[in-house]
């Protein structure tokens, strides 16, 4: 599995794009945290 970058290290434009995609897909911050920790959604 590829290593994920730390959120703060991502360029602003990429972070904003990911936030926009989360909104488009109605993914909450809690859901994204579960995904990052490897828990099932």
PDB file of N, CA and C in Angstrom:
ATOM      1  N   UNK A   1       0.843  -1.171   0.000  1.00  0.00           N
ATOM      2  CA  UNK A   1       0.000   0.000   0.000  1.00  0.00           C
ATOM      3  C   UNK A   1       0.893   1.241   0.000  1.00  0.00           C
ATOM      4  N   UNK A   2       0.560   2.241  -0.826  1.00  0.00           N
ATOM      5  CA  UNK A   2       1.392   3.450  -0.877  1.00  0.00           C
ATOM      6  C   UNK A   2       1.302   4.244   0.422  1.00  0.00           C
ATOM      7  N   UNK A   3       2.372   4.916   0.752  1.00  0.00           N
ATOM      8  CA  UNK A   3       2.401   5.754   1.946  1.00  0.00           C
ATOM      9  C   UNK A   3       1.660   7.059   1.651  1.00  0.00           C
ATOM     10  N   UNK A   4       0.771   7.449   2.557  1.00  0.00           N
ATOM     11  CA  UNK A   4       0.012   8.678   2.384  1.00  0.00           C
ATOM     12  C   UNK A   4       0.783   9.855   2.955  1.00  0.00           C
ATOM     13  N   UNK A   5       0.648  10.982   2.313  1.00  0.00           N
ATOM     14  CA  UNK A   5       1.316  12.205   2.756  1.00  0.00           C
ATOM     15  C   UNK A   5       0.570  12.785   3.960  1.00  0.00           C
ATOM     16  N   UNK A   6       1.298  13.459   4.832  1.00  0.00           N
ATOM     17  CA  UNK A   6       0.689  14.162   5.962  1.00  0.00           C
ATOM     18  C   UNK A   6      -0.078  15.360   5.410  1.00  0.00           C
ATOM     19  N   UNK A   7      -1.295  15.552   5.918  1.00  0.00           N
ATOM     20  CA  UNK A   7      -2.205  16.595   5.419  1.00  0.00           C
ATOM     21  C   UNK A   7      -1.518  17.957   5.332  1.00  0.00           C
ATOM     22  N   UNK A   8      -0.807  18.341   6.374  1.00  0.00           N
ATOM     23  CA  UNK A   8      -0.178  19.665   6.409  1.00  0.00           C
ATOM     24  C   UNK A   8       0.914  19.816   5.351  1.00  0.00           C
ATOM     25  N   UNK A   9       1.470  18.708   4.872  1.00  0.00           N
ATOM     26  CA  UNK A   9       2.543  18.767   3.869  1.00  0.00           C
ATOM     27  C   UNK A   9       2.014  18.871   2.438  1.00  0.00           C
ATOM     28  N   UNK A  10       0.708  18.647   2.256  1.00  0.00           N
ATOM     29  CA  UNK A  10       0.136  18.741   0.912  1.00  0.00           C
ATOM     30  C   UNK A  10       0.016  20.205   0.499  1.00  0.00           C
ATOM     31  N   UNK A  11       0.248  20.513  -0.767  1.00  0.00           N
ATOM     32  CA  UNK A  11       0.064  21.884  -1.241  1.00  0.00           C
ATOM     33  C   UNK A  11      -1.394  22.327  -1.038  1.00  0.00           C
ATOM     34  N   UNK A  12      -1.581  23.619  -0.812  1.00  0.00           N
ATOM     35  CA  UNK A  12      -2.906  24.162  -0.543  1.00  0.00           C
ATOM     36  C   UNK A  12      -3.924  23.755  -1.609  1.00  0.00           C
ATOM     37  N   UNK A  13      -3.556  23.844  -2.874  1.00  0.00           N
ATOM     38  CA  UNK A  13      -4.483  23.516  -3.961  1.00  0.00           C
ATOM     39  C   UNK A  13      -4.969  22.076  -3.902  1.00  0.00           C
ATOM     40  N   UNK A  14      -4.087  21.171  -3.546  1.00  0.00           N
ATOM     41  CA  UNK A  14      -4.472  19.755  -3.448  1.00  0.00           C
ATOM     42  C   UNK A  14      -5.389  19.550  -2.258  1.00  0.00           C
ATOM     43  N   UNK A  15      -5.051  20.175  -1.115  1.00  0.00           N
ATOM     44  CA  UNK A  15      -5.932  20.070   0.057  1.00  0.00           C
ATOM     45  C   UNK A  15      -7.317  20.601  -0.274  1.00  0.00           C
ATOM     46  N   UNK A  16      -7.393  21.736  -0.948  1.00  0.00           N
ATOM     47  CA  UNK A  16      -8.682  22.324  -1.297  1.00  0.00           C
ATOM     48  C   UNK A  16      -9.461  21.414  -2.241  1.00  0.00           C
ATOM     49  N   UNK A  17      -8.773  20.824  -3.204  1.00  0.00           N
ATOM     50  CA  UNK A  17      -9.416  19.890  -4.127  1.00  0.00           C
ATOM     51  C   UNK A  17     -10.005  18.699  -3.370  1.00  0.00           C
ATOM     52  N   UNK A  18      -9.240  18.148  -2.434  1.00  0.00           N
ATOM     53  CA  UNK A  18      -9.731  17.006  -1.663  1.00  0.00           C
ATOM     54  C   UNK A  18     -10.928  17.386  -0.798  1.00  0.00           C
ATOM     55  N   UNK A  19     -10.898  18.575  -0.205  1.00  0.00           N
ATOM     56  CA  UNK A  19     -12.037  19.055   0.588  1.00  0.00           C
ATOM     57  C   UNK A  19     -13.269  19.197  -0.300  1.00  0.00           C
ATOM     58  N   UNK A  20     -13.088  19.757  -1.487  1.00  0.00           N
ATOM     59  CA  UNK A  20     -14.212  19.899  -2.431  1.00  0.00           C
ATOM     60  C   UNK A  20     -14.784  18.541  -2.811  1.00  0.00           C
ATOM     61  N   UNK A  21     -13.916  17.558  -3.058  1.00  0.00           N
ATOM     62  CA  UNK A  21     -14.385  16.210  -3.418  1.00  0.00           C
ATOM     63  C   UNK A  21     -15.131  15.561  -2.259  1.00  0.00           C
ATOM     64  N   UNK A  22     -14.646  15.789  -1.025  1.00  0.00           N
ATOM     65  CA  UNK A  22     -15.354  15.263   0.146  1.00  0.00           C
ATOM     66  C   UNK A  22     -16.752  15.853   0.233  1.00  0.00           C
ATOM     67  N   UNK A  23     -16.864  17.153  -0.034  1.00  0.00           N
ATOM     68  CA  UNK A  23     -18.189  17.803  -0.013  1.00  0.00           C
ATOM     69  C   UNK A  23     -19.078  17.240  -1.114  1.00  0.00           C
ATOM     70  N   UNK A  24     -18.529  17.070  -2.308  1.00  0.00           N
ATOM     71  CA  UNK A  24     -19.302  16.532  -3.435  1.00  0.00           C
ATOM     72  C   UNK A  24     -19.860  15.151  -3.118  1.00  0.00           C
ATOM     73  N   UNK A  25     -19.065  14.367  -2.407  1.00  0.00           N
ATOM     74  CA  UNK A  25     -19.458  12.980  -2.107  1.00  0.00           C
ATOM     75  C   UNK A  25     -20.094  12.839  -0.730  1.00  0.00           C
ATOM     76  N   UNK A  26     -20.307  13.971  -0.053  1.00  0.00           N
ATOM     77  CA  UNK A  26     -20.922  13.995   1.278  1.00  0.00           C
ATOM     78  C   UNK A  26     -20.160  13.094   2.256  1.00  0.00           C
ATOM     79  N   UNK A  27     -18.831  13.202   2.246  1.00  0.00           N
ATOM     80  CA  UNK A  27     -17.991  12.459   3.178  1.00  0.00           C
ATOM     81  C   UNK A  27     -17.666  13.394   4.338  1.00  0.00           C
ATOM     82  N   UNK A  28     -17.991  12.976   5.545  1.00  0.00           N
ATOM     83  CA  UNK A  28     -17.724  13.815   6.704  1.00  0.00           C
ATOM     84  C   UNK A  28     -16.253  13.693   7.119  1.00  0.00           C
ATOM     85  N   UNK A  29     -15.817  14.633   7.959  1.00  0.00           N
ATOM     86  CA  UNK A  29     -14.454  14.589   8.476  1.00  0.00           C
ATOM     87  C   UNK A  29     -14.266  13.314   9.294  1.00  0.00           C
ATOM     88  N   UNK A  30     -15.283  12.918  10.058  1.00  0.00           N
ATOM     89  CA  UNK A  30     -15.198  11.687  10.853  1.00  0.00           C
ATOM     90  C   UNK A  30     -15.019  10.481   9.939  1.00  0.00           C
ATOM     91  N   UNK A  31     -15.765  10.433   8.822  1.00  0.00           N
ATOM     92  CA  UNK A  31     -15.628   9.330   7.869  1.00  0.00           C
ATOM     93  C   UNK A  31     -14.224   9.292   7.285  1.00  0.00           C
ATOM     94  N   UNK A  32     -13.678  10.442   6.948  1.00  0.00           N
ATOM     95  CA  UNK A  32     -12.346  10.477   6.353  1.00  0.00           C
ATOM     96  C   UNK A  32     -11.299  10.020   7.367  1.00  0.00           C
ATOM     97  N   UNK A  33     -11.497  10.336   8.635  1.00  0.00           N
ATOM     98  CA  UNK A  33     -10.581   9.874   9.675  1.00  0.00           C
ATOM     99  C   UNK A  33     -10.616   8.371   9.825  1.00  0.00           C
ATOM    100  N   UNK A  34     -11.815   7.771   9.722  1.00  0.00           N
ATOM    101  CA  UNK A  34     -11.945   6.334   9.802  1.00  0.00           C
ATOM    102  C   UNK A  34     -11.236   5.683   8.619  1.00  0.00           C
ATOM    103  N   UNK A  35     -11.387   6.292   7.457  1.00  0.00           N
ATOM    104  CA  UNK A  35     -10.752   5.754   6.254  1.00  0.00           C
ATOM    105  C   UNK A  35      -9.226   5.789   6.405  1.00  0.00           C
ATOM    106  N   UNK A  36      -8.709   6.889   6.937  1.00  0.00           N
ATOM    107  CA  UNK A  36      -7.271   7.033   7.097  1.00  0.00           C
ATOM    108  C   UNK A  36      -6.717   6.047   8.115  1.00  0.00           C
ATOM    109  N   UNK A  37      -7.531   5.676   9.111  1.00  0.00           N
ATOM    110  CA  UNK A  37      -7.043   4.751  10.130  1.00  0.00           C
ATOM    111  C   UNK A  37      -7.249   3.295   9.721  1.00  0.00           C
ATOM    112  N   UNK A  38      -7.907   3.065   8.565  1.00  0.00           N
ATOM    113  CA  UNK A  38      -8.075   1.713   8.061  1.00  0.00           C
ATOM    114  C   UNK A  38      -9.361   1.045   8.508  1.00  0.00           C
ATOM    115  N   UNK A  39     -10.227   1.795   9.178  1.00  0.00           N
ATOM    116  CA  UNK A  39     -11.497   1.225   9.618  1.00  0.00           C
ATOM    117  C   UNK A  39     -12.485   1.221   8.453  1.00  0.00           C
ATOM    118  N   UNK A  40     -13.404   0.278   8.472  1.00  0.00           N
ATOM    119  CA  UNK A  40     -14.437   0.190   7.433  1.00  0.00           C
ATOM    120  C   UNK A  40     -15.425   1.324   7.614  1.00  0.00           C
ATOM    121  N   UNK A  41     -15.922   1.838   6.484  1.00  0.00           N
ATOM    122  CA  UNK A  41     -16.940   2.903   6.543  1.00  0.00           C
ATOM    123  C   UNK A  41     -18.309   2.309   6.659  1.00  0.00           C
TER     124      UNK A  41
END
